[in-house]
Amino acid sequence: MKNDLIQKVENALNHIRPYLEADGGDVKLLDITDEMIVQLELLGACGSCPMSMMTLKAGVEQTIKNEVPEIKGIRAI
């Protein structure tokens, strides 16, 4: 079951990755907790961008929740 969730989240991330990469950034899926929180690592420009938390919540989290409704939220590690 967890592998299915991971694949669904990766698919959702693949939809938003081109936008992140256009600005020199990316995200890496680290884990999905038992509480259904996706743990992500911010990479490249995303790690130092002052707008990254807004991008994470507005863009990445919304995309993941739309495609994988089981997910409750995301957390940057």
C-alpha atoms as a PDB file:
ATOM      1  CA  MET A   1       0.000   0.000   0.000  1.00  0.00           C
ATOM      2  CA  LYS A   2       2.761   2.439   0.915  1.00  0.00           C
ATOM      3  CA  ASN A   3       4.525   1.760  -2.387  1.00  0.00           C
ATOM      4  CA  ASP A   4       1.307   2.680  -4.222  1.00  0.00           C
ATOM      5  CA  LEU A   5       1.116   5.946  -2.268  1.00  0.00           C
ATOM      6  CA  ILE A   6       4.748   6.732  -2.980  1.00  0.00           C
ATOM      7  CA  GLN A   7       4.175   6.178  -6.706  1.00  0.00           C
ATOM      8  CA  LYS A   8       1.069   8.394  -6.677  1.00  0.00           C
ATOM      9  CA  VAL A   9       2.948  11.178  -4.872  1.00  0.00           C
ATOM     10  CA  GLU A  10       5.893  10.868  -7.297  1.00  0.00           C
ATOM     11  CA  ASN A  11       3.445  11.174 -10.205  1.00  0.00           C
ATOM     12  CA  ALA A  12       1.955  14.311  -8.637  1.00  0.00           C
ATOM     13  CA  LEU A  13       5.440  15.756  -8.108  1.00  0.00           C
ATOM     14  CA  ASN A  14       6.269  15.061 -11.749  1.00  0.00           C
ATOM     15  CA  HIS A  15       3.432  17.403 -12.738  1.00  0.00           C
ATOM     16  CA  ILE A  16       4.921  20.312 -10.791  1.00  0.00           C
ATOM     17  CA  ARG A  17       8.638  19.541 -11.265  1.00  0.00           C
ATOM     18  CA  PRO A  18       8.990  21.417 -14.585  1.00  0.00           C
ATOM     19  CA  TYR A  19       7.929  24.640 -12.842  1.00  0.00           C
ATOM     20  CA  LEU A  20      10.393  24.110 -10.003  1.00  0.00           C
ATOM     21  CA  GLU A  21      13.193  23.163 -12.390  1.00  0.00           C
ATOM     22  CA  ALA A  22      12.537  26.275 -14.487  1.00  0.00           C
ATOM     23  CA  ASP A  23      13.591  28.292 -11.430  1.00  0.00           C
ATOM     24  CA  GLY A  24      16.601  26.072 -10.697  1.00  0.00           C
ATOM     25  CA  GLY A  25      14.987  23.993  -7.960  1.00  0.00           C
ATOM     26  CA  ASP A  26      13.452  20.602  -7.299  1.00  0.00           C
ATOM     27  CA  VAL A  27      12.015  18.462  -4.520  1.00  0.00           C
ATOM     28  CA  LYS A  28      12.870  14.950  -3.419  1.00  0.00           C
ATOM     29  CA  LEU A  29      10.350  12.635  -1.761  1.00  0.00           C
ATOM     30  CA  LEU A  30      11.914  11.290   1.433  1.00  0.00           C
ATOM     31  CA  ASP A  31       9.036   9.467   3.109  1.00  0.00           C
ATOM     32  CA  ILE A  32       5.332   9.323   3.827  1.00  0.00           C
ATOM     33  CA  THR A  33       4.635   9.084   7.551  1.00  0.00           C
ATOM     34  CA  ASP A  34       1.962   6.912   9.166  1.00  0.00           C
ATOM     35  CA  GLU A  35       0.034  10.166   9.679  1.00  0.00           C
ATOM     36  CA  MET A  36      -0.026  10.614   5.867  1.00  0.00           C
ATOM     37  CA  ILE A  37       2.411  13.537   5.881  1.00  0.00           C
ATOM     38  CA  VAL A  38       4.721  13.672   2.862  1.00  0.00           C
ATOM     39  CA  GLN A  39       8.285  14.541   3.835  1.00  0.00           C
ATOM     40  CA  LEU A  40      10.186  16.397   1.126  1.00  0.00           C
ATOM     41  CA  GLU A  41      13.689  17.758   0.720  1.00  0.00           C
ATOM     42  CA  LEU A  42      14.020  21.080  -1.085  1.00  0.00           C
ATOM     43  CA  LEU A  43      16.825  20.951  -3.638  1.00  0.00           C
ATOM     44  CA  GLY A  44      18.766  23.531  -5.630  1.00  0.00           C
ATOM     45  CA  ALA A  45      17.332  27.031  -5.641  1.00  0.00           C
ATOM     46  CA  CYS A  46      14.300  25.827  -3.656  1.00  0.00           C
ATOM     47  CA  GLY A  47      16.501  25.263  -0.618  1.00  0.00           C
ATOM     48  CA  SER A  48      17.496  28.915  -0.369  1.00  0.00           C
ATOM     49  CA  CYS A  49      14.524  30.670  -1.970  1.00  0.00           C
ATOM     50  CA  PRO A  50      12.614  32.966   0.402  1.00  0.00           C
ATOM     51  CA  MET A  51       9.389  32.040  -1.417  1.00  0.00           C
ATOM     52  CA  SER A  52       9.925  28.284  -1.115  1.00  0.00           C
ATOM     53  CA  MET A  53       7.530  27.791   1.802  1.00  0.00           C
ATOM     54  CA  MET A  54       4.758  29.547  -0.104  1.00  0.00           C
ATOM     55  CA  THR A  55       5.539  27.482  -3.217  1.00  0.00           C
ATOM     56  CA  LEU A  56       5.572  24.354  -1.100  1.00  0.00           C
ATOM     57  CA  LYS A  57       2.180  25.025   0.473  1.00  0.00           C
ATOM     58  CA  ALA A  58       0.377  26.642  -2.463  1.00  0.00           C
ATOM     59  CA  GLY A  59       1.832  24.641  -5.329  1.00  0.00           C
ATOM     60  CA  VAL A  60       3.331  21.369  -4.226  1.00  0.00           C
ATOM     61  CA  GLU A  61       0.972  20.527  -1.367  1.00  0.00           C
ATOM     62  CA  GLN A  62      -2.133  21.416  -3.368  1.00  0.00           C
ATOM     63  CA  THR A  63      -0.989  19.348  -6.346  1.00  0.00           C
ATOM     64  CA  ILE A  64      -0.266  16.329  -4.145  1.00  0.00           C
ATOM     65  CA  LYS A  65      -3.567  16.603  -2.235  1.00  0.00           C
ATOM     66  CA  ASN A  66      -5.544  16.954  -5.483  1.00  0.00           C
ATOM     67  CA  GLU A  67      -4.015  13.801  -6.933  1.00  0.00           C
ATOM     68  CA  VAL A  68      -3.607  11.791  -3.715  1.00  0.00           C
ATOM     69  CA  PRO A  69      -6.481  12.727  -1.377  1.00  0.00           C
ATOM     70  CA  GLU A  70      -5.212  10.358   1.348  1.00  0.00           C
ATOM     71  CA  ILE A  71      -2.323  12.754   1.996  1.00  0.00           C
ATOM     72  CA  LYS A  72      -2.975  15.155   4.880  1.00  0.00           C
ATOM     73  CA  GLY A  73      -0.074  17.551   4.336  1.00  0.00           C
ATOM     74  CA  ILE A  74       3.588  18.018   3.509  1.00  0.00           C
ATOM     75  CA  ARG A  75       6.689  18.910   5.490  1.00  0.00           C
ATOM     76  CA  ALA A  76      10.056  20.125   4.302  1.00  0.00           C
ATOM     77  CA  ILE A  77      12.936  18.333   5.988  1.00  0.00           C
END
